[in-house]
Amino acid sequence: MTGVITLRDLRRALLGSEWGPRLLADDLAHRPVLSVTPDDNPHTALRRMTELDVDEIPVVDPLERDRLMGLLSRQERTRAYTRLIESLRAPVAPAVESA
């Protein structure tokens, strides 16, 4: 993975320029690639998605940063963040002593 192209980039290239049909993906790609790993927390994903103003961010292998593992969407990130907040707010069950 050498770059990321957003839908906004494609629209701008195809609709706002006479160069659209002649552009290559490489011409539009953002570098360096802002990404997350499976070990990153929702806050990290939110910060990086906000930097690019994108709805999805690449999830890469932590040891091979150019190896794409998947995409994390804004909706999935929001669900994960909500679960994290709810788990922090959940009351802790009292320990049960065995006799």
PDB file of N, CA and C in Angstrom:
ATOM      1  N   MET A   1       0.858  -1.170   0.000  1.00  0.00           N
ATOM      2  CA  MET A   1       0.000   0.000   0.000  1.00  0.00           C
ATOM      3  C   MET A   1       0.906   1.235   0.000  1.00  0.00           C
ATOM      4  N   THR A   2       0.739   2.045  -1.011  1.00  0.00           N
ATOM      5  CA  THR A   2       1.634   3.194  -1.139  1.00  0.00           C
ATOM      6  C   THR A   2       0.931   4.535  -1.007  1.00  0.00           C
ATOM      7  N   GLY A   3      -0.392   4.542  -0.994  1.00  0.00           N
ATOM      8  CA  GLY A   3      -1.127   5.789  -0.878  1.00  0.00           C
ATOM      9  C   GLY A   3      -2.612   5.539  -0.706  1.00  0.00           C
ATOM     10  N   VAL A   4      -3.336   6.597  -0.364  1.00  0.00           N
ATOM     11  CA  VAL A   4      -4.784   6.519  -0.167  1.00  0.00           C
ATOM     12  C   VAL A   4      -5.452   7.595  -1.008  1.00  0.00           C
ATOM     13  N   ILE A   5      -6.544   7.216  -1.657  1.00  0.00           N
ATOM     14  CA  ILE A   5      -7.340   8.152  -2.447  1.00  0.00           C
ATOM     15  C   ILE A   5      -8.727   8.210  -1.841  1.00  0.00           C
ATOM     16  N   THR A   6      -9.215   9.403  -1.571  1.00  0.00           N
ATOM     17  CA  THR A   6     -10.552   9.556  -1.013  1.00  0.00           C
ATOM     18  C   THR A   6     -11.570   9.757  -2.138  1.00  0.00           C
ATOM     19  N   LEU A   7     -12.811   9.531  -1.800  1.00  0.00           N
ATOM     20  CA  LEU A   7     -13.888   9.759  -2.761  1.00  0.00           C
ATOM     21  C   LEU A   7     -13.922  11.225  -3.190  1.00  0.00           C
ATOM     22  N   ARG A   8     -13.639  12.109  -2.263  1.00  0.00           N
ATOM     23  CA  ARG A   8     -13.595  13.548  -2.569  1.00  0.00           C
ATOM     24  C   ARG A   8     -12.508  13.838  -3.611  1.00  0.00           C
ATOM     25  N   ASP A   9     -11.365  13.156  -3.485  1.00  0.00           N
ATOM     26  CA  ASP A   9     -10.283  13.318  -4.468  1.00  0.00           C
ATOM     27  C   ASP A   9     -10.745  12.886  -5.859  1.00  0.00           C
ATOM     28  N   LEU A  10     -11.424  11.743  -5.915  1.00  0.00           N
ATOM     29  CA  LEU A  10     -11.910  11.242  -7.203  1.00  0.00           C
ATOM     30  C   LEU A  10     -12.920  12.185  -7.828  1.00  0.00           C
ATOM     31  N   ARG A  11     -13.848  12.659  -7.015  1.00  0.00           N
ATOM     32  CA  ARG A  11     -14.858  13.599  -7.539  1.00  0.00           C
ATOM     33  C   ARG A  11     -14.210  14.847  -8.102  1.00  0.00           C
ATOM     34  N   ARG A  12     -13.282  15.391  -7.343  1.00  0.00           N
ATOM     35  CA  ARG A  12     -12.604  16.620  -7.764  1.00  0.00           C
ATOM     36  C   ARG A  12     -11.852  16.388  -9.075  1.00  0.00           C
ATOM     37  N   ALA A  13     -11.211  15.242  -9.178  1.00  0.00           N
ATOM     38  CA  ALA A  13     -10.418  14.948 -10.381  1.00  0.00           C
ATOM     39  C   ALA A  13     -11.308  14.710 -11.595  1.00  0.00           C
ATOM     40  N   LEU A  14     -12.419  14.003 -11.385  1.00  0.00           N
ATOM     41  CA  LEU A  14     -13.263  13.652 -12.521  1.00  0.00           C
ATOM     42  C   LEU A  14     -14.220  14.756 -12.940  1.00  0.00           C
ATOM     43  N   LEU A  15     -14.695  15.525 -11.973  1.00  0.00           N
ATOM     44  CA  LEU A  15     -15.694  16.552 -12.288  1.00  0.00           C
ATOM     45  C   LEU A  15     -15.108  17.953 -12.407  1.00  0.00           C
ATOM     46  N   GLY A  16     -14.035  18.199 -11.719  1.00  0.00           N
ATOM     47  CA  GLY A  16     -13.536  19.564 -11.672  1.00  0.00           C
ATOM     48  C   GLY A  16     -12.310  19.826 -12.513  1.00  0.00           C
ATOM     49  N   SER A  17     -11.969  18.892 -13.387  1.00  0.00           N
ATOM     50  CA  SER A  17     -10.741  19.079 -14.137  1.00  0.00           C
ATOM     51  C   SER A  17     -10.827  18.415 -15.505  1.00  0.00           C
ATOM     52  N   GLU A  18     -10.216  19.038 -16.464  1.00  0.00           N
ATOM     53  CA  GLU A  18     -10.142  18.427 -17.792  1.00  0.00           C
ATOM     54  C   GLU A  18      -9.126  17.288 -17.814  1.00  0.00           C
ATOM     55  N   TRP A  19      -8.317  17.202 -16.748  1.00  0.00           N
ATOM     56  CA  TRP A  19      -7.288  16.165 -16.657  1.00  0.00           C
ATOM     57  C   TRP A  19      -7.833  14.839 -16.152  1.00  0.00           C
ATOM     58  N   GLY A  20      -9.050  14.819 -15.608  1.00  0.00           N
ATOM     59  CA  GLY A  20      -9.631  13.628 -14.995  1.00  0.00           C
ATOM     60  C   GLY A  20      -9.345  12.322 -15.696  1.00  0.00           C
ATOM     61  N   PRO A  21      -9.690  12.180 -16.959  1.00  0.00           N
ATOM     62  CA  PRO A  21      -9.473  10.902 -17.639  1.00  0.00           C
ATOM     63  C   PRO A  21      -8.003  10.523 -17.809  1.00  0.00           C
ATOM     64  N   ARG A  22      -7.126  11.502 -17.704  1.00  0.00           N
ATOM     65  CA  ARG A  22      -5.695  11.226 -17.914  1.00  0.00           C
ATOM     66  C   ARG A  22      -4.908  11.050 -16.613  1.00  0.00           C
ATOM     67  N   LEU A  23      -5.578  11.281 -15.494  1.00  0.00           N
ATOM     68  CA  LEU A  23      -4.892  11.148 -14.212  1.00  0.00           C
ATOM     69  C   LEU A  23      -4.686   9.686 -13.848  1.00  0.00           C
ATOM     70  N   LEU A  24      -3.613   9.419 -13.159  1.00  0.00           N
ATOM     71  CA  LEU A  24      -3.338   8.092 -12.629  1.00  0.00           C
ATOM     72  C   LEU A  24      -3.645   8.087 -11.134  1.00  0.00           C
ATOM     73  N   ALA A  25      -3.914   6.915 -10.601  1.00  0.00           N
ATOM     74  CA  ALA A  25      -4.168   6.803  -9.166  1.00  0.00           C
ATOM     75  C   ALA A  25      -3.008   7.401  -8.380  1.00  0.00           C
ATOM     76  N   ASP A  26      -1.807   7.188  -8.858  1.00  0.00           N
ATOM     77  CA  ASP A  26      -0.616   7.708  -8.189  1.00  0.00           C
ATOM     78  C   ASP A  26      -0.640   9.237  -8.077  1.00  0.00           C
ATOM     79  N   ASP A  27      -1.282   9.907  -9.035  1.00  0.00           N
ATOM     80  CA  ASP A  27      -1.365  11.369  -9.006  1.00  0.00           C
ATOM     81  C   ASP A  27      -2.247  11.877  -7.868  1.00  0.00           C
ATOM     82  N   LEU A  28      -3.218  11.059  -7.445  1.00  0.00           N
ATOM     83  CA  LEU A  28      -4.187  11.484  -6.437  1.00  0.00           C
ATOM     84  C   LEU A  28      -3.870  10.993  -5.033  1.00  0.00           C
ATOM     85  N   ALA A  29      -2.999  10.015  -4.913  1.00  0.00           N
ATOM     86  CA  ALA A  29      -2.768   9.339  -3.636  1.00  0.00           C
ATOM     87  C   ALA A  29      -2.158  10.258  -2.583  1.00  0.00           C
ATOM     88  N   HIS A  30      -2.701  10.159  -1.362  1.00  0.00           N
ATOM     89  CA  HIS A  30      -2.149  10.882  -0.206  1.00  0.00           C
ATOM     90  C   HIS A  30      -1.018  10.060   0.386  1.00  0.00           C
ATOM     91  N   ARG A  31       0.071  10.733   0.666  1.00  0.00           N
ATOM     92  CA  ARG A  31       1.231  10.100   1.292  1.00  0.00           C
ATOM     93  C   ARG A  31       1.779  11.029   2.349  1.00  0.00           C
ATOM     94  N   PRO A  32       2.305  10.545   3.417  1.00  0.00           N
ATOM     95  CA  PRO A  32       2.312   9.149   3.813  1.00  0.00           C
ATOM     96  C   PRO A  32       0.895   8.692   4.160  1.00  0.00           C
ATOM     97  N   VAL A  33       0.691   7.393   4.125  1.00  0.00           N
ATOM     98  CA  VAL A  33      -0.615   6.820   4.420  1.00  0.00           C
ATOM     99  C   VAL A  33      -0.870   6.896   5.918  1.00  0.00           C
ATOM    100  N   LEU A  34      -1.949   7.579   6.284  1.00  0.00           N
ATOM    101  CA  LEU A  34      -2.366   7.564   7.686  1.00  0.00           C
ATOM    102  C   LEU A  34      -3.174   6.296   7.880  1.00  0.00           C
ATOM    103  N   SER A  35      -2.788   5.484   8.850  1.00  0.00           N
ATOM    104  CA  SER A  35      -3.434   4.196   9.064  1.00  0.00           C
ATOM    105  C   SER A  35      -3.462   3.881  10.552  1.00  0.00           C
ATOM    106  N   VAL A  36      -4.135   2.801  10.887  1.00  0.00           N
ATOM    107  CA  VAL A  36      -4.150   2.275  12.246  1.00  0.00           C
ATOM    108  C   VAL A  36      -3.788   0.792  12.182  1.00  0.00           C
ATOM    109  N   THR A  37      -3.444   0.243  13.328  1.00  0.00           N
ATOM    110  CA  THR A  37      -3.194  -1.188  13.435  1.00  0.00           C
ATOM    111  C   THR A  37      -4.314  -1.789  14.297  1.00  0.00           C
ATOM    112  N   PRO A  38      -4.464  -3.096  14.296  1.00  0.00           N
ATOM    113  CA  PRO A  38      -5.488  -3.719  15.140  1.00  0.00           C
ATOM    114  C   PRO A  38      -5.306  -3.400  16.624  1.00  0.00           C
ATOM    115  N   ASP A  39      -4.107  -3.025  17.030  1.00  0.00           N
ATOM    116  CA  ASP A  39      -3.832  -2.728  18.443  1.00  0.00           C
ATOM    117  C   ASP A  39      -4.143  -1.290  18.834  1.00  0.00           C
ATOM    118  N   ASP A  40      -4.404  -0.414  17.871  1.00  0.00           N
ATOM    119  CA  ASP A  40      -4.702   0.987  18.181  1.00  0.00           C
ATOM    120  C   ASP A  40      -6.087   1.114  18.806  1.00  0.00           C
ATOM    121  N   ASN A  41      -6.240   2.119  19.662  1.00  0.00           N
ATOM    122  CA  ASN A  41      -7.537   2.331  20.313  1.00  0.00           C
ATOM    123  C   ASN A  41      -8.422   3.235  19.454  1.00  0.00           C
ATOM    124  N   PRO A  42      -9.719   3.308  19.777  1.00  0.00           N
ATOM    125  CA  PRO A  42     -10.648   4.138  18.981  1.00  0.00           C
ATOM    126  C   PRO A  42     -10.245   5.605  18.906  1.00  0.00           C
ATOM    127  N   HIS A  43      -9.631   6.127  19.974  1.00  0.00           N
ATOM    128  CA  HIS A  43      -9.227   7.537  19.963  1.00  0.00           C
ATOM    129  C   HIS A  43      -8.163   7.796  18.893  1.00  0.00           C
ATOM    130  N   THR A  44      -7.219   6.879  18.768  1.00  0.00           N
ATOM    131  CA  THR A  44      -6.180   7.011  17.746  1.00  0.00           C
ATOM    132  C   THR A  44      -6.800   6.996  16.355  1.00  0.00           C
ATOM    133  N   ALA A  45      -7.736   6.080  16.142  1.00  0.00           N
ATOM    134  CA  ALA A  45      -8.418   6.005  14.851  1.00  0.00           C
ATOM    135  C   ALA A  45      -9.169   7.301  14.569  1.00  0.00           C
ATOM    136  N   LEU A  46      -9.874   7.826  15.557  1.00  0.00           N
ATOM    137  CA  LEU A  46     -10.621   9.080  15.393  1.00  0.00           C
ATOM    138  C   LEU A  46      -9.687  10.222  15.023  1.00  0.00           C
ATOM    139  N   ARG A  47      -8.571  10.331  15.718  1.00  0.00           N
ATOM    140  CA  ARG A  47      -7.617  11.422  15.447  1.00  0.00           C
ATOM    141  C   ARG A  47      -7.077  11.338  14.021  1.00  0.00           C
ATOM    142  N   ARG A  48      -6.734  10.145  13.587  1.00  0.00           N
ATOM    143  CA  ARG A  48      -6.171  10.002  12.240  1.00  0.00           C
ATOM    144  C   ARG A  48      -7.227  10.209  11.166  1.00  0.00           C
ATOM    145  N   MET A  49      -8.452   9.747  11.411  1.00  0.00           N
ATOM    146  CA  MET A  49      -9.521   9.955  10.432  1.00  0.00           C
ATOM    147  C   MET A  49      -9.856  11.442  10.325  1.00  0.00           C
ATOM    148  N   THR A  50      -9.789  12.141  11.440  1.00  0.00           N
ATOM    149  CA  THR A  50     -10.075  13.574  11.453  1.00  0.00           C
ATOM    150  C   THR A  50      -8.995  14.341  10.697  1.00  0.00           C
ATOM    151  N   GLU A  51      -7.742  13.905  10.824  1.00  0.00           N
ATOM    152  CA  GLU A  51      -6.645  14.570  10.111  1.00  0.00           C
ATOM    153  C   GLU A  51      -6.879  14.561   8.602  1.00  0.00           C
ATOM    154  N   LEU A  52      -7.395  13.452   8.083  1.00  0.00           N
ATOM    155  CA  LEU A  52      -7.638  13.340   6.641  1.00  0.00           C
ATOM    156  C   LEU A  52      -9.064  13.705   6.253  1.00  0.00           C
ATOM    157  N   ASP A  53      -9.950  13.829   7.258  1.00  0.00           N
ATOM    158  CA  ASP A  53     -11.370  14.072   7.016  1.00  0.00           C
ATOM    159  C   ASP A  53     -11.946  12.980   6.109  1.00  0.00           C
ATOM    160  N   VAL A  54     -11.773  11.727   6.550  1.00  0.00           N
ATOM    161  CA  VAL A  54     -12.246  10.571   5.790  1.00  0.00           C
ATOM    162  C   VAL A  54     -13.213   9.744   6.626  1.00  0.00           C
ATOM    163  N   ASP A  55     -14.018   8.937   5.948  1.00  0.00           N
ATOM    164  CA  ASP A  55     -14.967   8.061   6.623  1.00  0.00           C
ATOM    165  C   ASP A  55     -14.410   6.668   6.852  1.00  0.00           C
ATOM    166  N   GLU A  56     -13.289   6.352   6.222  1.00  0.00           N
ATOM    167  CA  GLU A  56     -12.647   5.051   6.410  1.00  0.00           C
ATOM    168  C   GLU A  56     -11.137   5.252   6.493  1.00  0.00           C
ATOM    169  N   ILE A  57     -10.502   4.342   7.230  1.00  0.00           N
ATOM    170  CA  ILE A  57      -9.047   4.410   7.357  1.00  0.00           C
ATOM    171  C   ILE A  57      -8.484   2.993   7.216  1.00  0.00           C
ATOM    172  N   PRO A  58      -7.343   2.861   6.547  1.00  0.00           N
ATOM    173  CA  PRO A  58      -6.746   1.531   6.397  1.00  0.00           C
ATOM    174  C   PRO A  58      -6.266   0.967   7.740  1.00  0.00           C
ATOM    175  N   VAL A  59      -6.487  -0.329   7.907  1.00  0.00           N
ATOM    176  CA  VAL A  59      -5.940  -1.054   9.048  1.00  0.00           C
ATOM    177  C   VAL A  59      -4.789  -1.895   8.487  1.00  0.00           C
ATOM    178  N   VAL A  60      -3.599  -1.683   9.029  1.00  0.00           N
ATOM    179  CA  VAL A  60      -2.412  -2.351   8.503  1.00  0.00           C
ATOM    180  C   VAL A  60      -1.785  -3.257   9.549  1.00  0.00           C
ATOM    181  N   ASP A  61      -0.991  -4.180   9.055  1.00  0.00           N
ATOM    182  CA  ASP A  61      -0.243  -5.090   9.923  1.00  0.00           C
ATOM    183  C   ASP A  61       0.771  -4.268  10.714  1.00  0.00           C
ATOM    184  N   PRO A  62       0.836  -4.449  12.045  1.00  0.00           N
ATOM    185  CA  PRO A  62       1.777  -3.643  12.834  1.00  0.00           C
ATOM    186  C   PRO A  62       3.248  -3.878  12.484  1.00  0.00           C
ATOM    187  N   LEU A  63       3.571  -5.058  11.963  1.00  0.00           N
ATOM    188  CA  LEU A  63       4.964  -5.355  11.622  1.00  0.00           C
ATOM    189  C   LEU A  63       5.300  -5.051  10.168  1.00  0.00           C
ATOM    190  N   GLU A  64       4.289  -5.103   9.299  1.00  0.00           N
ATOM    191  CA  GLU A  64       4.468  -4.794   7.873  1.00  0.00           C
ATOM    192  C   GLU A  64       3.474  -3.702   7.507  1.00  0.00           C
ATOM    193  N   ARG A  65       3.843  -2.460   7.760  1.00  0.00           N
ATOM    194  CA  ARG A  65       2.921  -1.323   7.620  1.00  0.00           C
ATOM    195  C   ARG A  65       2.378  -1.135   6.208  1.00  0.00           C
ATOM    196  N   ASP A  66       2.990  -1.751   5.215  1.00  0.00           N
ATOM    197  CA  ASP A  66       2.476  -1.623   3.856  1.00  0.00           C
ATOM    198  C   ASP A  66       1.509  -2.752   3.511  1.00  0.00           C
ATOM    199  N   ARG A  67       1.219  -3.650   4.476  1.00  0.00           N
ATOM    200  CA  ARG A  67       0.293  -4.763   4.252  1.00  0.00           C
ATOM    201  C   ARG A  67      -1.091  -4.410   4.799  1.00  0.00           C
ATOM    202  N   LEU A  68      -2.033  -4.234   3.900  1.00  0.00           N
ATOM    203  CA  LEU A  68      -3.405  -3.874   4.262  1.00  0.00           C
ATOM    204  C   LEU A  68      -4.137  -5.082   4.830  1.00  0.00           C
ATOM    205  N   MET A  69      -4.764  -4.886   6.007  1.00  0.00           N
ATOM    206  CA  MET A  69      -5.540  -5.952   6.628  1.00  0.00           C
ATOM    207  C   MET A  69      -7.036  -5.707   6.473  1.00  0.00           C
ATOM    208  N   GLY A  70      -7.431  -4.450   6.279  1.00  0.00           N
ATOM    209  CA  GLY A  70      -8.843  -4.112   6.143  1.00  0.00           C
ATOM    210  C   GLY A  70      -9.050  -2.617   6.234  1.00  0.00           C
ATOM    211  N   LEU A  71     -10.306  -2.223   6.323  1.00  0.00           N
ATOM    212  CA  LEU A  71     -10.670  -0.815   6.468  1.00  0.00           C
ATOM    213  C   LEU A  71     -11.542  -0.653   7.704  1.00  0.00           C
ATOM    214  N   LEU A  72     -11.330   0.419   8.431  1.00  0.00           N
ATOM    215  CA  LEU A  72     -12.155   0.751   9.584  1.00  0.00           C
ATOM    216  C   LEU A  72     -13.026   1.932   9.201  1.00  0.00           C
ATOM    217  N   SER A  73     -14.335   1.757   9.305  1.00  0.00           N
ATOM    218  CA  SER A  73     -15.245   2.840   8.944  1.00  0.00           C
ATOM    219  C   SER A  73     -15.550   3.714  10.156  1.00  0.00           C
ATOM    220  N   ARG A  74     -16.015   4.906   9.890  1.00  0.00           N
ATOM    221  CA  ARG A  74     -16.396   5.844  10.954  1.00  0.00           C
ATOM    222  C   ARG A  74     -17.480   5.206  11.828  1.00  0.00           C
ATOM    223  N   GLN A  75     -18.417   4.507  11.201  1.00  0.00           N
ATOM    224  CA  GLN A  75     -19.503   3.866  11.945  1.00  0.00           C
ATOM    225  C   GLN A  75     -18.962   2.769  12.872  1.00  0.00           C
ATOM    226  N   GLU A  76     -18.056   1.941  12.378  1.00  0.00           N
ATOM    227  CA  GLU A  76     -17.463   0.890  13.218  1.00  0.00           C
ATOM    228  C   GLU A  76     -16.659   1.493  14.365  1.00  0.00           C
ATOM    229  N   ARG A  77     -15.916   2.547  14.060  1.00  0.00           N
ATOM    230  CA  ARG A  77     -15.117   3.216  15.076  1.00  0.00           C
ATOM    231  C   ARG A  77     -16.005   3.809  16.156  1.00  0.00           C
ATOM    232  N   THR A  78     -17.119   4.394  15.755  1.00  0.00           N
ATOM    233  CA  THR A  78     -18.046   4.976  16.728  1.00  0.00           C
ATOM    234  C   THR A  78     -18.632   3.893  17.621  1.00  0.00           C
ATOM    235  N   ARG A  79     -18.995   2.744  17.033  1.00  0.00           N
ATOM    236  CA  ARG A  79     -19.514   1.628  17.839  1.00  0.00           C
ATOM    237  C   ARG A  79     -18.470   1.149  18.848  1.00  0.00           C
ATOM    238  N   ALA A  80     -17.227   1.001  18.417  1.00  0.00           N
ATOM    239  CA  ALA A  80     -16.162   0.545  19.314  1.00  0.00           C
ATOM    240  C   ALA A  80     -15.929   1.556  20.433  1.00  0.00           C
ATOM    241  N   TYR A  81     -15.945   2.834  20.099  1.00  0.00           N
ATOM    242  CA  TYR A  81     -15.739   3.885  21.088  1.00  0.00           C
ATOM    243  C   TYR A  81     -16.872   3.868  22.112  1.00  0.00           C
ATOM    244  N   THR A  82     -18.109   3.683  21.640  1.00  0.00           N
ATOM    245  CA  THR A  82     -19.261   3.623  22.530  1.00  0.00           C
ATOM    246  C   THR A  82     -19.154   2.419  23.472  1.00  0.00           C
ATOM    247  N   ARG A  83     -18.759   1.265  22.938  1.00  0.00           N
ATOM    248  CA  ARG A  83     -18.580   0.074  23.788  1.00  0.00           C
ATOM    249  C   ARG A  83     -17.509   0.314  24.848  1.00  0.00           C
ATOM    250  N   LEU A  84     -16.425   0.976  24.463  1.00  0.00           N
ATOM    251  CA  LEU A  84     -15.360   1.271  25.412  1.00  0.00           C
ATOM    252  C   LEU A  84     -15.874   2.163  26.538  1.00  0.00           C
ATOM    253  N   ILE A  85     -16.590   3.224  26.205  1.00  0.00           N
ATOM    254  CA  ILE A  85     -17.141   4.138  27.214  1.00  0.00           C
ATOM    255  C   ILE A  85     -18.108   3.397  28.126  1.00  0.00           C
ATOM    256  N   GLU A  86     -18.991   2.575  27.547  1.00  0.00           N
ATOM    257  CA  GLU A  86     -19.960   1.823  28.350  1.00  0.00           C
ATOM    258  C   GLU A  86     -19.256   0.850  29.292  1.00  0.00           C
ATOM    259  N   SER A  87     -18.181   0.230  28.835  1.00  0.00           N
ATOM    260  CA  SER A  87     -17.468  -0.718  29.703  1.00  0.00           C
ATOM    261  C   SER A  87     -16.797   0.015  30.867  1.00  0.00           C
ATOM    262  N   LEU A  88     -16.347   1.240  30.629  1.00  0.00           N
ATOM    263  CA  LEU A  88     -15.721   2.010  31.705  1.00  0.00           C
ATOM    264  C   LEU A  88     -16.749   2.499  32.728  1.00  0.00           C
ATOM    265  N   ARG A  89     -17.975   2.679  32.281  1.00  0.00           N
ATOM    266  CA  ARG A  89     -19.040   3.147  33.169  1.00  0.00           C
ATOM    267  C   ARG A  89     -19.753   2.014  33.892  1.00  0.00           C
ATOM    268  N   ALA A  90     -19.588   0.805  33.415  1.00  0.00           N
ATOM    269  CA  ALA A  90     -20.314  -0.332  33.984  1.00  0.00           C
ATOM    270  C   ALA A  90     -19.890  -0.558  35.434  1.00  0.00           C
ATOM    271  N   PRO A  91     -20.878  -0.815  36.295  1.00  0.00           N
ATOM    272  CA  PRO A  91     -20.529  -1.063  37.703  1.00  0.00           C
ATOM    273  C   PRO A  91     -19.763  -2.388  37.812  1.00  0.00           C
ATOM    274  N   VAL A  92     -18.850  -2.400  38.755  1.00  0.00           N
ATOM    275  CA  VAL A  92     -18.058  -3.600  38.984  1.00  0.00           C
ATOM    276  C   VAL A  92     -18.843  -4.505  39.923  1.00  0.00           C
ATOM    277  N   ALA A  93     -19.019  -5.752  39.539  1.00  0.00           N
ATOM    278  CA  ALA A  93     -19.756  -6.706  40.364  1.00  0.00           C
ATOM    279  C   ALA A  93     -18.921  -7.050  41.592  1.00  0.00           C
ATOM    280  N   PRO A  94     -19.566  -7.137  42.764  1.00  0.00           N
ATOM    281  CA  PRO A  94     -18.814  -7.488  43.978  1.00  0.00           C
ATOM    282  C   PRO A  94     -18.296  -8.919  43.886  1.00  0.00           C
ATOM    283  N   ALA A  95     -17.131  -9.133  44.473  1.00  0.00           N
ATOM    284  CA  ALA A  95     -16.538 -10.469  44.468  1.00  0.00           C
ATOM    285  C   ALA A  95     -17.345 -11.379  45.377  1.00  0.00           C
ATOM    286  N   VAL A  96     -17.540 -12.598  44.936  1.00  0.00           N
ATOM    287  CA  VAL A  96     -18.274 -13.600  45.712  1.00  0.00           C
ATOM    288  C   VAL A  96     -17.257 -14.504  46.390  1.00  0.00           C
ATOM    289  N   GLU A  97     -17.348 -14.573  47.695  1.00  0.00           N
ATOM    290  CA  GLU A  97     -16.416 -15.429  48.427  1.00  0.00           C
ATOM    291  C   GLU A  97     -16.968 -16.839  48.491  1.00  0.00           C
ATOM    292  N   SER A  98     -16.099 -17.798  48.294  1.00  0.00           N
ATOM    293  CA  SER A  98     -16.530 -19.185  48.380  1.00  0.00           C
ATOM    294  C   SER A  98     -16.281 -19.704  49.787  1.00  0.00           C
ATOM    295  N   ALA A  99     -17.159 -20.568  50.255  1.00  0.00           N
ATOM    296  CA  ALA A  99     -17.057 -21.089  51.619  1.00  0.00           C
ATOM    297  C   ALA A  99     -16.316 -22.381  51.673  1.00  0.00           C
TER     298      ALA A  99
END
